[in-house]
Amino acid sequence: ATASEIAKAYLDCIVTIFVCNSNGVEISFGSGICVYSGGYI
């Protein structure tokens, strides 16, 4: 597979992760990747 094909195949496996406080303020964010069925990242 080409790099383009790999990236397109995996886009839905990749997530954005926000840390929020109890007021809903976004404190920080990063990225993550799902590695197992059931939403394990």
Full PDB file with SEQRES, HELIX, SHEET, SSBOND, CRYST1, ORIGX, SCALE, CONECT and MASTER records, all heavy atoms in Angstrom:
SEQRES   1 A   41  ALA THR ALA SER GLU ILE ALA LYS ALA TYR LEU ASP CYS          
SEQRES   2 A   41  ILE VAL THR ILE PHE VAL CYS ASN SER ASN GLY VAL GLU          
SEQRES   3 A   41  ILE SER PHE GLY SER GLY ILE CYS VAL TYR SER GLY GLY          
SEQRES   4 A   41  TYR ILE                                                      
HELIX    1 AA1 ALA A    3  TYR A   10  1                                   8    
HELIX    2 AA2 LEU A   11  CYS A   13  5                                   3    
SHEET    1 AA1 2 ILE A  14  CYS A  20  0                                        
SHEET    2 AA1 2 GLU A  26  ILE A  33 -1                                        
CRYST1    1.000    1.000    1.000  90.00  90.00  90.00 P 1           1          
ORIGX1      1.000000  0.000000  0.000000        0.00000                         
ORIGX2      0.000000  1.000000  0.000000        0.00000                         
ORIGX3      0.000000  0.000000  1.000000        0.00000                         
SCALE1      1.000000  0.000000  0.000000        0.00000                         
SCALE2      0.000000  1.000000  0.000000        0.00000                         
SCALE3      0.000000  0.000000  1.000000        0.00000                         
ATOM      1  N   ALA A   1       0.834  -1.201   0.000  1.00  0.00           N  
ATOM      2  CA  ALA A   1       0.000   0.000   0.000  1.00  0.00           C  
ATOM      3  C   ALA A   1       0.869   1.252   0.000  1.00  0.00           C  
ATOM      4  O   ALA A   1       1.979   1.270   0.552  1.00  0.00           O  
ATOM      5  CB  ALA A   1      -0.906   0.003   1.225  1.00  0.00           C  
ATOM      6  N   THR A   2       0.379   2.307  -0.608  1.00  0.00           N  
ATOM      7  CA  THR A   2       1.077   3.585  -0.600  1.00  0.00           C  
ATOM      8  C   THR A   2       0.804   4.305   0.721  1.00  0.00           C  
ATOM      9  O   THR A   2      -0.113   3.940   1.476  1.00  0.00           O  
ATOM     10  CB  THR A   2       0.614   4.471  -1.753  1.00  0.00           C  
ATOM     11  OG1 THR A   2      -0.778   4.789  -1.557  1.00  0.00           O  
ATOM     12  CG2 THR A   2       0.791   3.763  -3.098  1.00  0.00           C  
ATOM     13  N   ALA A   3       1.573   5.338   0.986  1.00  0.00           N  
ATOM     14  CA  ALA A   3       1.345   6.133   2.192  1.00  0.00           C  
ATOM     15  C   ALA A   3      -0.058   6.724   2.189  1.00  0.00           C  
ATOM     16  O   ALA A   3      -0.733   6.771   3.220  1.00  0.00           O  
ATOM     17  CB  ALA A   3       2.396   7.242   2.286  1.00  0.00           C  
ATOM     18  N   SER A   4      -0.509   7.164   1.041  1.00  0.00           N  
ATOM     19  CA  SER A   4      -1.857   7.725   0.920  1.00  0.00           C  
ATOM     20  C   SER A   4      -2.915   6.687   1.251  1.00  0.00           C  
ATOM     21  O   SER A   4      -3.889   6.967   1.961  1.00  0.00           O  
ATOM     22  CB  SER A   4      -2.069   8.272  -0.498  1.00  0.00           C  
ATOM     23  OG  SER A   4      -3.384   8.766  -0.651  1.00  0.00           O  
ATOM     24  N   GLU A   5      -2.738   5.479   0.753  1.00  0.00           N  
ATOM     25  CA  GLU A   5      -3.712   4.413   1.010  1.00  0.00           C  
ATOM     26  C   GLU A   5      -3.744   4.039   2.492  1.00  0.00           C  
ATOM     27  O   GLU A   5      -4.816   3.795   3.061  1.00  0.00           O  
ATOM     28  CB  GLU A   5      -3.387   3.189   0.156  1.00  0.00           C  
ATOM     29  CG  GLU A   5      -3.652   3.392  -1.327  1.00  0.00           C  
ATOM     30  CD  GLU A   5      -3.099   2.261  -2.179  1.00  0.00           C  
ATOM     31  OE1 GLU A   5      -2.144   1.579  -1.738  1.00  0.00           O  
ATOM     32  OE2 GLU A   5      -3.615   2.074  -3.304  1.00  0.00           O  
ATOM     33  N   ILE A   6      -2.590   4.004   3.123  1.00  0.00           N  
ATOM     34  CA  ILE A   6      -2.531   3.676   4.551  1.00  0.00           C  
ATOM     35  C   ILE A   6      -3.229   4.757   5.366  1.00  0.00           C  
ATOM     36  O   ILE A   6      -4.040   4.471   6.250  1.00  0.00           O  
ATOM     37  CB  ILE A   6      -1.066   3.503   4.997  1.00  0.00           C  
ATOM     38  CG1 ILE A   6      -0.466   2.256   4.350  1.00  0.00           C  
ATOM     39  CG2 ILE A   6      -0.976   3.406   6.524  1.00  0.00           C  
ATOM     40  CD1 ILE A   6       1.032   2.114   4.587  1.00  0.00           C  
ATOM     41  N   ALA A   7      -2.914   6.010   5.069  1.00  0.00           N  
ATOM     42  CA  ALA A   7      -3.514   7.113   5.818  1.00  0.00           C  
ATOM     43  C   ALA A   7      -5.034   7.122   5.678  1.00  0.00           C  
ATOM     44  O   ALA A   7      -5.756   7.254   6.673  1.00  0.00           O  
ATOM     45  CB  ALA A   7      -2.926   8.442   5.343  1.00  0.00           C  
ATOM     46  N   LYS A   8      -5.530   6.983   4.463  1.00  0.00           N  
ATOM     47  CA  LYS A   8      -6.977   6.996   4.250  1.00  0.00           C  
ATOM     48  C   LYS A   8      -7.662   5.843   4.969  1.00  0.00           C  
ATOM     49  O   LYS A   8      -8.748   5.994   5.529  1.00  0.00           O  
ATOM     50  CB  LYS A   8      -7.277   6.941   2.751  1.00  0.00           C  
ATOM     51  CG  LYS A   8      -6.946   8.218   1.992  1.00  0.00           C  
ATOM     52  CD  LYS A   8      -7.231   8.069   0.513  1.00  0.00           C  
ATOM     53  CE  LYS A   8      -6.869   9.340  -0.248  1.00  0.00           C  
ATOM     54  NZ  LYS A   8      -7.100   9.187  -1.722  1.00  0.00           N  
ATOM     55  N   ALA A   9      -7.019   4.685   4.977  1.00  0.00           N  
ATOM     56  CA  ALA A   9      -7.617   3.519   5.629  1.00  0.00           C  
ATOM     57  C   ALA A   9      -7.719   3.691   7.137  1.00  0.00           C  
ATOM     58  O   ALA A   9      -8.617   3.144   7.779  1.00  0.00           O  
ATOM     59  CB  ALA A   9      -6.798   2.271   5.299  1.00  0.00           C  
ATOM     60  N   TYR A  10      -6.812   4.476   7.722  1.00  0.00           N  
ATOM     61  CA  TYR A  10      -6.715   4.567   9.179  1.00  0.00           C  
ATOM     62  C   TYR A  10      -7.347   5.810   9.788  1.00  0.00           C  
ATOM     63  O   TYR A  10      -7.397   5.932  11.020  1.00  0.00           O  
ATOM     64  CB  TYR A  10      -5.241   4.526   9.596  1.00  0.00           C  
ATOM     65  CG  TYR A  10      -4.630   3.145   9.571  1.00  0.00           C  
ATOM     66  CD1 TYR A  10      -3.247   2.998   9.518  1.00  0.00           C  
ATOM     67  CD2 TYR A  10      -5.408   1.999   9.598  1.00  0.00           C  
ATOM     68  CE1 TYR A  10      -2.656   1.734   9.513  1.00  0.00           C  
ATOM     69  CE2 TYR A  10      -4.844   0.739   9.577  1.00  0.00           C  
ATOM     70  CZ  TYR A  10      -3.467   0.609   9.534  1.00  0.00           C  
ATOM     71  OH  TYR A  10      -2.896  -0.641   9.524  1.00  0.00           O  
ATOM     72  N   LEU A  11      -7.815   6.750   8.998  1.00  0.00           N  
ATOM     73  CA  LEU A  11      -8.293   8.020   9.548  1.00  0.00           C  
ATOM     74  C   LEU A  11      -9.369   7.827  10.613  1.00  0.00           C  
ATOM     75  O   LEU A  11      -9.390   8.538  11.627  1.00  0.00           O  
ATOM     76  CB  LEU A  11      -8.815   8.927   8.434  1.00  0.00           C  
ATOM     77  CG  LEU A  11      -7.759   9.574   7.541  1.00  0.00           C  
ATOM     78  CD1 LEU A  11      -8.410  10.507   6.536  1.00  0.00           C  
ATOM     79  CD2 LEU A  11      -6.723  10.326   8.359  1.00  0.00           C  
ATOM     80  N   ASP A  12     -10.266   6.879  10.412  1.00  0.00           N  
ATOM     81  CA  ASP A  12     -11.360   6.688  11.370  1.00  0.00           C  
ATOM     82  C   ASP A  12     -10.903   5.990  12.651  1.00  0.00           C  
ATOM     83  O   ASP A  12     -11.679   5.873  13.598  1.00  0.00           O  
ATOM     84  CB  ASP A  12     -12.496   5.890  10.734  1.00  0.00           C  
ATOM     85  CG  ASP A  12     -13.271   6.702   9.707  1.00  0.00           C  
ATOM     86  OD1 ASP A  12     -13.173   7.945   9.758  1.00  0.00           O  
ATOM     87  OD2 ASP A  12     -13.951   6.099   8.862  1.00  0.00           O  
ATOM     88  N   CYS A  13      -9.662   5.517  12.690  1.00  0.00           N  
ATOM     89  CA  CYS A  13      -9.118   4.880  13.895  1.00  0.00           C  
ATOM     90  C   CYS A  13      -8.471   5.897  14.826  1.00  0.00           C  
ATOM     91  O   CYS A  13      -8.129   5.557  15.966  1.00  0.00           O  
ATOM     92  CB  CYS A  13      -8.072   3.828  13.519  1.00  0.00           C  
ATOM     93  SG  CYS A  13      -8.622   2.573  12.339  1.00  0.00           S  
ATOM     94  N   ILE A  14      -8.291   7.107  14.345  1.00  0.00           N  
ATOM     95  CA  ILE A  14      -7.530   8.121  15.070  1.00  0.00           C  
ATOM     96  C   ILE A  14      -8.493   9.123  15.696  1.00  0.00           C  
ATOM     97  O   ILE A  14      -9.481   9.522  15.089  1.00  0.00           O  
ATOM     98  CB  ILE A  14      -6.539   8.802  14.118  1.00  0.00           C  
ATOM     99  CG1 ILE A  14      -5.585   7.758  13.531  1.00  0.00           C  
ATOM    100  CG2 ILE A  14      -5.741   9.895  14.837  1.00  0.00           C  
ATOM    101  CD1 ILE A  14      -4.875   8.176  12.283  1.00  0.00           C  
ATOM    102  N   VAL A  15      -8.198   9.520  16.936  1.00  0.00           N  
ATOM    103  CA  VAL A  15      -9.093  10.393  17.693  1.00  0.00           C  
ATOM    104  C   VAL A  15      -8.335  11.615  18.193  1.00  0.00           C  
ATOM    105  O   VAL A  15      -7.109  11.644  18.235  1.00  0.00           O  
ATOM    106  CB  VAL A  15      -9.719   9.654  18.890  1.00  0.00           C  
ATOM    107  CG1 VAL A  15     -10.503   8.440  18.410  1.00  0.00           C  
ATOM    108  CG2 VAL A  15      -8.653   9.239  19.912  1.00  0.00           C  
ATOM    109  N   THR A  16      -9.116  12.629  18.583  1.00  0.00           N  
ATOM    110  CA  THR A  16      -8.582  13.795  19.284  1.00  0.00           C  
ATOM    111  C   THR A  16      -9.081  13.744  20.718  1.00  0.00           C  
ATOM    112  O   THR A  16     -10.268  13.489  20.959  1.00  0.00           O  
ATOM    113  CB  THR A  16      -9.027  15.097  18.613  1.00  0.00           C  
ATOM    114  OG1 THR A  16      -8.674  15.067  17.224  1.00  0.00           O  
ATOM    115  CG2 THR A  16      -8.376  16.299  19.262  1.00  0.00           C  
ATOM    116  N   ILE A  17      -8.185  13.963  21.672  1.00  0.00           N  
ATOM    117  CA  ILE A  17      -8.494  13.804  23.092  1.00  0.00           C  
ATOM    118  C   ILE A  17      -8.378  15.157  23.785  1.00  0.00           C  
ATOM    119  O   ILE A  17      -7.318  15.786  23.769  1.00  0.00           O  
ATOM    120  CB  ILE A  17      -7.525  12.800  23.755  1.00  0.00           C  
ATOM    121  CG1 ILE A  17      -7.585  11.446  23.031  1.00  0.00           C  
ATOM    122  CG2 ILE A  17      -7.840  12.644  25.238  1.00  0.00           C  
ATOM    123  CD1 ILE A  17      -6.445  10.512  23.400  1.00  0.00           C  
ATOM    124  N   PHE A  18      -9.471  15.609  24.385  1.00  0.00           N  
ATOM    125  CA  PHE A  18      -9.484  16.858  25.131  1.00  0.00           C  
ATOM    126  C   PHE A  18      -9.513  16.579  26.631  1.00  0.00           C  
ATOM    127  O   PHE A  18     -10.218  15.675  27.086  1.00  0.00           O  
ATOM    128  CB  PHE A  18     -10.728  17.680  24.776  1.00  0.00           C  
ATOM    129  CG  PHE A  18     -10.680  18.329  23.420  1.00  0.00           C  
ATOM    130  CD1 PHE A  18     -11.073  17.638  22.293  1.00  0.00           C  
ATOM    131  CD2 PHE A  18     -10.253  19.640  23.280  1.00  0.00           C  
ATOM    132  CE1 PHE A  18     -11.045  18.226  21.039  1.00  0.00           C  
ATOM    133  CE2 PHE A  18     -10.210  20.242  22.032  1.00  0.00           C  
ATOM    134  CZ  PHE A  18     -10.605  19.537  20.909  1.00  0.00           C  
ATOM    135  N   VAL A  19      -8.765  17.367  27.390  1.00  0.00           N  
ATOM    136  CA  VAL A  19      -8.898  17.404  28.848  1.00  0.00           C  
ATOM    137  C   VAL A  19      -9.760  18.617  29.173  1.00  0.00           C  
ATOM    138  O   VAL A  19      -9.446  19.736  28.753  1.00  0.00           O  
ATOM    139  CB  VAL A  19      -7.530  17.524  29.536  1.00  0.00           C  
ATOM    140  CG1 VAL A  19      -7.704  17.708  31.043  1.00  0.00           C  
ATOM    141  CG2 VAL A  19      -6.676  16.290  29.254  1.00  0.00           C  
ATOM    142  N   CYS A  20     -10.854  18.390  29.894  1.00  0.00           N  
ATOM    143  CA  CYS A  20     -11.793  19.457  30.233  1.00  0.00           C  
ATOM    144  C   CYS A  20     -11.981  19.528  31.746  1.00  0.00           C  
ATOM    145  O   CYS A  20     -11.889  18.511  32.432  1.00  0.00           O  
ATOM    146  CB  CYS A  20     -13.148  19.217  29.577  1.00  0.00           C  
ATOM    147  SG  CYS A  20     -13.082  18.972  27.793  1.00  0.00           S  
ATOM    148  N   ASN A  21     -12.257  20.723  32.248  1.00  0.00           N  
ATOM    149  CA  ASN A  21     -12.569  20.830  33.666  1.00  0.00           C  
ATOM    150  C   ASN A  21     -14.074  20.798  33.874  1.00  0.00           C  
ATOM    151  O   ASN A  21     -14.849  20.680  32.912  1.00  0.00           O  
ATOM    152  CB  ASN A  21     -11.926  22.072  34.285  1.00  0.00           C  
ATOM    153  CG  ASN A  21     -12.526  23.378  33.772  1.00  0.00           C  
ATOM    154  OD1 ASN A  21     -13.608  23.408  33.184  1.00  0.00           O  
ATOM    155  ND2 ASN A  21     -11.813  24.468  33.994  1.00  0.00           N  
ATOM    156  N   SER A  22     -14.502  20.888  35.122  1.00  0.00           N  
ATOM    157  CA  SER A  22     -15.918  20.705  35.435  1.00  0.00           C  
ATOM    158  C   SER A  22     -16.793  21.820  34.887  1.00  0.00           C  
ATOM    159  O   SER A  22     -18.014  21.685  34.826  1.00  0.00           O  
ATOM    160  CB  SER A  22     -16.108  20.606  36.953  1.00  0.00           C  
ATOM    161  OG  SER A  22     -15.615  21.768  37.590  1.00  0.00           O  
ATOM    162  N   ASN A  23     -16.185  22.934  34.467  1.00  0.00           N  
ATOM    163  CA  ASN A  23     -16.942  24.022  33.843  1.00  0.00           C  
ATOM    164  C   ASN A  23     -16.992  23.896  32.328  1.00  0.00           C  
ATOM    165  O   ASN A  23     -17.518  24.780  31.653  1.00  0.00           O  
ATOM    166  CB  ASN A  23     -16.326  25.369  34.225  1.00  0.00           C  
ATOM    167  CG  ASN A  23     -16.475  25.668  35.694  1.00  0.00           C  
ATOM    168  OD1 ASN A  23     -17.529  25.419  36.271  1.00  0.00           O  
ATOM    169  ND2 ASN A  23     -15.421  26.189  36.307  1.00  0.00           N  
ATOM    170  N   GLY A  24     -16.415  22.819  31.815  1.00  0.00           N  
ATOM    171  CA  GLY A  24     -16.419  22.616  30.374  1.00  0.00           C  
ATOM    172  C   GLY A  24     -15.326  23.357  29.645  1.00  0.00           C  
ATOM    173  O   GLY A  24     -15.321  23.401  28.413  1.00  0.00           O  
ATOM    174  N   VAL A  25     -14.401  23.954  30.384  1.00  0.00           N  
ATOM    175  CA  VAL A  25     -13.290  24.656  29.737  1.00  0.00           C  
ATOM    176  C   VAL A  25     -12.276  23.635  29.248  1.00  0.00           C  
ATOM    177  O   VAL A  25     -11.864  22.738  29.986  1.00  0.00           O  
ATOM    178  CB  VAL A  25     -12.618  25.640  30.719  1.00  0.00           C  
ATOM    179  CG1 VAL A  25     -11.397  26.296  30.065  1.00  0.00           C  
ATOM    180  CG2 VAL A  25     -13.611  26.699  31.156  1.00  0.00           C  
ATOM    181  N   GLU A  26     -11.876  23.776  28.007  1.00  0.00           N  
ATOM    182  CA  GLU A  26     -10.870  22.887  27.432  1.00  0.00           C  
ATOM    183  C   GLU A  26      -9.497  23.288  27.949  1.00  0.00           C  
ATOM    184  O   GLU A  26      -9.030  24.394  27.714  1.00  0.00           O  
ATOM    185  CB  GLU A  26     -10.908  22.987  25.904  1.00  0.00           C  
ATOM    186  CG  GLU A  26     -12.286  22.704  25.327  1.00  0.00           C  
ATOM    187  CD  GLU A  26     -12.429  23.242  23.919  1.00  0.00           C  
ATOM    188  OE1 GLU A  26     -11.580  24.059  23.514  1.00  0.00           O  
ATOM    189  OE2 GLU A  26     -13.382  22.857  23.240  1.00  0.00           O  
ATOM    190  N   ILE A  27      -8.840  22.389  28.665  1.00  0.00           N  
ATOM    191  CA  ILE A  27      -7.552  22.687  29.260  1.00  0.00           C  
ATOM    192  C   ILE A  27      -6.419  22.384  28.280  1.00  0.00           C  
ATOM    193  O   ILE A  27      -5.459  23.133  28.160  1.00  0.00           O  
ATOM    194  CB  ILE A  27      -7.359  21.885  30.558  1.00  0.00           C  
ATOM    195  CG1 ILE A  27      -8.524  22.147  31.519  1.00  0.00           C  
ATOM    196  CG2 ILE A  27      -6.028  22.214  31.212  1.00  0.00           C  
ATOM    197  CD1 ILE A  27      -8.704  23.601  31.883  1.00  0.00           C  
ATOM    198  N   SER A  28      -6.522  21.271  27.590  1.00  0.00           N  
ATOM    199  CA  SER A  28      -5.474  20.873  26.643  1.00  0.00           C  
ATOM    200  C   SER A  28      -6.034  19.808  25.723  1.00  0.00           C  
ATOM    201  O   SER A  28      -7.119  19.258  25.970  1.00  0.00           O  
ATOM    202  CB  SER A  28      -4.240  20.331  27.381  1.00  0.00           C  
ATOM    203  OG  SER A  28      -4.574  19.173  28.127  1.00  0.00           O  
ATOM    204  N   PHE A  29      -5.301  19.533  24.658  1.00  0.00           N  
ATOM    205  CA  PHE A  29      -5.709  18.412  23.817  1.00  0.00           C  
ATOM    206  C   PHE A  29      -4.501  17.750  23.187  1.00  0.00           C  
ATOM    207  O   PHE A  29      -3.426  18.315  23.074  1.00  0.00           O  
ATOM    208  CB  PHE A  29      -6.733  18.836  22.746  1.00  0.00           C  
ATOM    209  CG  PHE A  29      -6.174  19.610  21.581  1.00  0.00           C  
ATOM    210  CD1 PHE A  29      -5.599  18.943  20.504  1.00  0.00           C  
ATOM    211  CD2 PHE A  29      -6.237  20.981  21.528  1.00  0.00           C  
ATOM    212  CE1 PHE A  29      -5.105  19.625  19.408  1.00  0.00           C  
ATOM    213  CE2 PHE A  29      -5.729  21.686  20.448  1.00  0.00           C  
ATOM    214  CZ  PHE A  29      -5.170  21.010  19.381  1.00  0.00           C  
ATOM    215  N   GLY A  30      -4.725  16.492  22.785  1.00  0.00           N  
ATOM    216  CA  GLY A  30      -3.722  15.717  22.080  1.00  0.00           C  
ATOM    217  C   GLY A  30      -4.414  14.749  21.145  1.00  0.00           C  
ATOM    218  O   GLY A  30      -5.599  14.898  20.843  1.00  0.00           O  
ATOM    219  N   SER A  31      -3.697  13.740  20.717  1.00  0.00           N  
ATOM    220  CA  SER A  31      -4.215  12.777  19.754  1.00  0.00           C  
ATOM    221  C   SER A  31      -4.137  11.368  20.336  1.00  0.00           C  
ATOM    222  O   SER A  31      -3.507  11.142  21.371  1.00  0.00           O  
ATOM    223  CB  SER A  31      -3.423  12.852  18.452  1.00  0.00           C  
ATOM    224  OG  SER A  31      -3.415  14.172  17.923  1.00  0.00           O  
ATOM    225  N   GLY A  32      -4.785  10.429  19.685  1.00  0.00           N  
ATOM    226  CA  GLY A  32      -4.758   9.039  20.128  1.00  0.00           C  
ATOM    227  C   GLY A  32      -5.113   8.112  18.988  1.00  0.00           C  
ATOM    228  O   GLY A  32      -5.572   8.547  17.924  1.00  0.00           O  
ATOM    229  N   ILE A  33      -4.941   6.818  19.216  1.00  0.00           N  
ATOM    230  CA  ILE A  33      -5.181   5.817  18.186  1.00  0.00           C  
ATOM    231  C   ILE A  33      -5.849   4.608  18.805  1.00  0.00           C  
ATOM    232  O   ILE A  33      -5.374   4.080  19.815  1.00  0.00           O  
ATOM    233  CB  ILE A  33      -3.857   5.419  17.478  1.00  0.00           C  
ATOM    234  CG1 ILE A  33      -4.072   4.294  16.466  1.00  0.00           C  
ATOM    235  CG2 ILE A  33      -2.773   5.055  18.483  1.00  0.00           C  
ATOM    236  CD1 ILE A  33      -4.802   4.713  15.219  1.00  0.00           C  
ATOM    237  N   CYS A  34      -6.949   4.163  18.222  1.00  0.00           N  
ATOM    238  CA  CYS A  34      -7.680   3.005  18.729  1.00  0.00           C  
ATOM    239  C   CYS A  34      -6.939   1.724  18.332  1.00  0.00           C  
ATOM    240  O   CYS A  34      -6.565   1.545  17.165  1.00  0.00           O  
ATOM    241  CB  CYS A  34      -9.102   2.977  18.191  1.00  0.00           C  
ATOM    242  SG  CYS A  34     -10.175   1.778  19.024  1.00  0.00           S  
ATOM    243  N   VAL A  35      -6.735   0.836  19.323  1.00  0.00           N  
ATOM    244  CA  VAL A  35      -5.897  -0.348  19.091  1.00  0.00           C  
ATOM    245  C   VAL A  35      -6.604  -1.652  19.451  1.00  0.00           C  
ATOM    246  O   VAL A  35      -5.984  -2.723  19.389  1.00  0.00           O  
ATOM    247  CB  VAL A  35      -4.579  -0.248  19.887  1.00  0.00           C  
ATOM    248  CG1 VAL A  35      -3.714   0.874  19.336  1.00  0.00           C  
ATOM    249  CG2 VAL A  35      -4.844  -0.054  21.380  1.00  0.00           C  
ATOM    250  N   TYR A  36      -7.883  -1.580  19.826  1.00  0.00           N  
ATOM    251  CA  TYR A  36      -8.598  -2.811  20.184  1.00  0.00           C  
ATOM    252  C   TYR A  36     -10.084  -2.541  20.119  1.00  0.00           C  
ATOM    253  O   TYR A  36     -10.542  -1.420  20.363  1.00  0.00           O  
ATOM    254  CB  TYR A  36      -8.195  -3.265  21.594  1.00  0.00           C  
ATOM    255  CG  TYR A  36      -8.411  -4.751  21.849  1.00  0.00           C  
ATOM    256  CD1 TYR A  36      -7.406  -5.671  21.583  1.00  0.00           C  
ATOM    257  CD2 TYR A  36      -9.618  -5.224  22.355  1.00  0.00           C  
ATOM    258  CE1 TYR A  36      -7.591  -7.019  21.822  1.00  0.00           C  
ATOM    259  CE2 TYR A  36      -9.809  -6.580  22.589  1.00  0.00           C  
ATOM    260  CZ  TYR A  36      -8.784  -7.477  22.328  1.00  0.00           C  
ATOM    261  OH  TYR A  36      -8.975  -8.821  22.547  1.00  0.00           O  
ATOM    262  N   SER A  37     -10.862  -3.579  19.786  1.00  0.00           N  
ATOM    263  CA  SER A  37     -12.309  -3.432  19.739  1.00  0.00           C  
ATOM    264  C   SER A  37     -12.838  -3.039  21.111  1.00  0.00           C  
ATOM    265  O   SER A  37     -12.333  -3.488  22.139  1.00  0.00           O  
ATOM    266  CB  SER A  37     -12.960  -4.738  19.279  1.00  0.00           C  
ATOM    267  OG  SER A  37     -12.662  -5.797  20.166  1.00  0.00           O  
ATOM    268  N   GLY A  38     -13.836  -2.185  21.132  1.00  0.00           N  
ATOM    269  CA  GLY A  38     -14.393  -1.724  22.390  1.00  0.00           C  
ATOM    270  C   GLY A  38     -13.898  -0.346  22.790  1.00  0.00           C  
ATOM    271  O   GLY A  38     -14.102   0.084  23.924  1.00  0.00           O  
ATOM    272  N   GLY A  39     -13.247   0.371  21.875  1.00  0.00           N  
ATOM    273  CA  GLY A  39     -12.850   1.745  22.142  1.00  0.00           C  
ATOM    274  C   GLY A  39     -11.593   1.905  22.972  1.00  0.00           C  
ATOM    275  O   GLY A  39     -11.433   2.909  23.669  1.00  0.00           O  
ATOM    276  N   TYR A  40     -10.682   0.945  22.905  1.00  0.00           N  
ATOM    277  CA  TYR A  40      -9.420   1.045  23.644  1.00  0.00           C  
ATOM    278  C   TYR A  40      -8.410   1.841  22.817  1.00  0.00           C  
ATOM    279  O   TYR A  40      -8.136   1.501  21.664  1.00  0.00           O  
ATOM    280  CB  TYR A  40      -8.881  -0.336  23.971  1.00  0.00           C  
ATOM    281  CG  TYR A  40      -9.726  -1.054  24.999  1.00  0.00           C  
ATOM    282  CD1 TYR A  40     -10.756  -1.908  24.609  1.00  0.00           C  
ATOM    283  CD2 TYR A  40      -9.509  -0.864  26.362  1.00  0.00           C  
ATOM    284  CE1 TYR A  40     -11.547  -2.555  25.548  1.00  0.00           C  
ATOM    285  CE2 TYR A  40     -10.291  -1.510  27.310  1.00  0.00           C  
ATOM    286  CZ  TYR A  40     -11.306  -2.354  26.892  1.00  0.00           C  
ATOM    287  OH  TYR A  40     -12.085  -2.995  27.832  1.00  0.00           O  
ATOM    288  N   ILE A  41      -7.851   2.880  23.437  1.00  0.00           N  
ATOM    289  CA  ILE A  41      -7.046   3.874  22.733  1.00  0.00           C  
ATOM    290  C   ILE A  41      -5.693   4.027  23.409  1.00  0.00           C  
ATOM    291  O   ILE A  41      -5.597   4.053  24.640  1.00  0.00           O  
ATOM    292  CB  ILE A  41      -7.785   5.234  22.731  1.00  0.00           C  
ATOM    293  CG1 ILE A  41      -9.069   5.126  21.877  1.00  0.00           C  
ATOM    294  CG2 ILE A  41      -6.893   6.359  22.229  1.00  0.00           C  
ATOM    295  CD1 ILE A  41     -10.031   6.276  22.097  1.00  0.00           C  
TER     296      ILE A  41                                                      
MASTER        0    0    0    2    2    0    0    6  295    1    0    4          
END                                                                             
